[in-house]
């Protein structure tokens, strides 16, 4: 039983899309015999044809995230954008450069090693000072 025409007419009358038109499966014969707008209107009045409710986007996930944010979660480096991320990087690089200057001043490393490590720091090879120290020890770059 093809009810495309009836669904189309009902959709126009109800002001919804064709996919939101619901037809009572027990009264399909009655609906298939209805061919005018007036007959479809009467079926709508008798609740044989209805408009399904709109499907919305669930707010459940959004509420969960909001709750977590109130607790101070979801604020890690992966969530940061722009200046906050840059500021962290600047602090790390400055601290490593200070450390390198100190090593050079105390003659623990040579000018050549200083420049090489400086460029590695600039290139983001080390995440922090601890990693830089470990690299110097590992590769025996400190003077004896």
Protein backbone atom coordinates (compact mmCIF):
# COMPACT_ATOMS: atom_id res chain seq x y z
CA UNK A 1 0.00 0.00 0.00
CA UNK A 2 1.62 3.22 -1.21
CA UNK A 3 0.77 6.20 0.99
CA UNK A 4 3.28 8.68 -0.48
CA UNK A 5 0.58 11.08 -1.72
CA UNK A 6 -1.32 11.00 1.59
CA UNK A 7 1.92 11.58 3.52
CA UNK A 8 2.83 14.51 1.28
CA UNK A 9 -0.58 16.16 1.73
CA UNK A 10 -0.51 15.54 5.52
CA UNK A 11 3.00 17.02 5.73
CA UNK A 12 1.82 20.18 3.98
CA UNK A 13 -1.21 20.51 6.27
CA UNK A 14 0.77 19.82 9.46
CA UNK A 15 3.66 22.04 8.38
CA UNK A 16 6.29 19.35 8.90
CA UNK A 17 8.51 17.21 6.70
CA UNK A 18 7.28 13.96 5.14
CA UNK A 19 9.47 11.90 7.48
CA UNK A 20 7.70 13.31 10.55
CA UNK A 21 4.23 12.22 9.43
CA UNK A 22 2.95 9.22 11.43
CA UNK A 23 0.05 7.12 10.18
CA UNK A 24 -1.78 4.70 12.50
CA UNK A 25 -0.82 1.22 11.23
CA UNK A 26 -4.27 -0.17 12.19
CA UNK A 27 -6.12 2.34 9.94
CA UNK A 28 -4.06 2.08 6.75
CA UNK A 29 -7.11 1.17 4.62
CA UNK A 30 -8.92 4.31 5.73
CA UNK A 31 -5.89 6.48 4.96
CA UNK A 32 -5.28 4.94 1.54
CA UNK A 33 -8.87 5.78 0.49
CA UNK A 34 -8.41 9.46 1.51
CA UNK A 35 -7.31 11.44 -1.52
CA UNK A 36 -8.41 15.02 -0.84
CA UNK A 37 -6.96 17.56 1.57
CA UNK A 38 -10.32 17.67 3.36
CA UNK A 39 -10.31 13.91 4.00
CA UNK A 40 -6.71 14.09 5.26
CA UNK A 41 -7.68 16.99 7.60
CA UNK A 42 -10.47 14.84 9.10
CA UNK A 43 -8.00 11.98 9.67
CA UNK A 44 -5.69 14.42 11.43
CA UNK A 45 -8.57 15.58 13.67
CA UNK A 46 -9.30 11.93 14.55
CA UNK A 47 -5.59 11.37 15.41
CA UNK A 48 -5.15 8.72 12.73
CA UNK A 49 -2.44 10.91 11.19
CA UNK A 50 -0.09 12.83 13.52
CA UNK A 51 3.16 14.74 13.38
CA UNK A 52 5.98 12.99 15.22
CA UNK A 53 7.83 15.15 17.77
CA UNK A 54 10.98 16.94 16.68
CA UNK A 55 14.23 15.20 17.49
CA UNK A 56 16.54 17.56 19.33
CA UNK A 57 20.19 17.31 20.23
CA UNK A 58 20.64 15.78 23.66
CA UNK A 59 22.16 18.09 26.29
CA UNK A 60 23.32 15.12 28.39
CA UNK A 61 26.93 15.20 27.22
CA UNK A 62 27.05 18.99 27.50
CA UNK A 63 25.82 18.81 31.11
CA UNK A 64 28.44 16.20 31.96
CA UNK A 65 31.23 18.35 30.48
CA UNK A 66 29.93 21.44 32.31
CA UNK A 67 29.95 19.51 35.61
CA UNK A 68 33.56 18.44 35.01
CA UNK A 69 34.61 21.99 34.17
CA UNK A 70 33.07 23.22 37.44
CA UNK A 71 35.35 20.75 39.22
CA UNK A 72 38.33 22.28 37.41
CA UNK A 73 38.83 19.42 34.97
CA UNK A 74 39.33 19.60 31.19
CA UNK A 75 41.88 22.40 31.48
CA UNK A 76 44.98 20.48 30.40
CA UNK A 77 47.44 21.54 27.70
CA UNK A 78 45.36 19.86 24.98
CA UNK A 79 42.38 22.12 25.73
CA UNK A 80 44.31 25.38 25.65
CA UNK A 81 44.39 27.65 22.66
CA UNK A 82 46.35 30.74 21.76
CA UNK A 83 48.24 32.81 24.30
CA UNK A 84 47.94 30.35 27.21
CA UNK A 85 49.79 27.69 25.22
CA UNK A 86 52.45 30.14 24.02
CA UNK A 87 53.05 31.46 27.55
CA UNK A 88 53.78 27.95 28.84
CA UNK A 89 56.28 27.40 26.04
CA UNK A 90 57.97 30.76 26.69
CA UNK A 91 58.40 29.94 30.39
CA UNK A 92 59.95 26.53 29.63
CA UNK A 93 62.34 27.88 26.99
CA UNK A 94 63.45 30.80 29.16
CA UNK A 95 64.20 28.53 32.08
CA UNK A 96 66.29 26.19 29.86
CA UNK A 97 68.16 29.11 28.31
CA UNK A 98 68.95 30.51 31.78
CA UNK A 99 70.28 27.08 32.73
CA UNK A 100 72.46 26.93 29.60
CA UNK A 101 73.86 30.43 30.28
CA UNK A 102 74.72 29.36 33.82
CA UNK A 103 76.54 26.24 32.56
CA UNK A 104 78.48 28.32 30.03
CA UNK A 105 79.38 30.96 32.62
CA UNK A 106 80.67 28.31 35.03
CA UNK A 107 82.62 26.74 32.14
CA UNK A 108 80.79 23.42 32.52
CA UNK A 109 80.03 23.41 28.78
CA UNK A 110 81.94 24.91 25.85
CA UNK A 111 80.67 27.65 23.55
CA UNK A 112 80.19 25.05 20.78
CA UNK A 113 78.11 22.74 23.02
CA UNK A 114 76.17 25.75 24.35
CA UNK A 115 75.21 26.81 20.81
CA UNK A 116 74.24 23.25 19.84
CA UNK A 117 72.04 22.82 22.93
CA UNK A 118 70.59 26.34 22.52
CA UNK A 119 69.39 25.45 19.03
CA UNK A 120 67.93 22.15 20.27
CA UNK A 121 66.02 24.03 22.98
CA UNK A 122 64.76 26.43 20.33
CA UNK A 123 63.68 23.51 18.15
CA UNK A 124 61.62 21.99 20.97
CA UNK A 125 63.80 18.89 21.43
CA UNK A 126 63.54 19.12 25.24
CA UNK A 127 60.30 19.42 27.19
CA UNK A 128 61.91 20.69 30.37
CA UNK A 129 65.17 21.35 32.22
CA UNK A 130 65.28 17.81 33.60
CA UNK A 131 65.34 16.38 30.08
CA UNK A 132 68.07 18.85 29.08
CA UNK A 133 70.23 17.78 32.07
CA UNK A 134 69.69 14.11 31.22
CA UNK A 135 70.77 14.77 27.61
CA UNK A 136 73.98 16.52 28.74
CA UNK A 137 74.88 13.62 31.04
CA UNK A 138 73.92 10.96 28.51
CA UNK A 139 76.09 12.44 25.76
CA UNK A 140 78.99 13.45 28.08
CA UNK A 141 78.82 17.08 27.00
CA UNK A 142 79.96 18.48 30.37
CA UNK A 143 83.67 19.28 30.72
CA UNK A 144 85.70 17.09 32.98
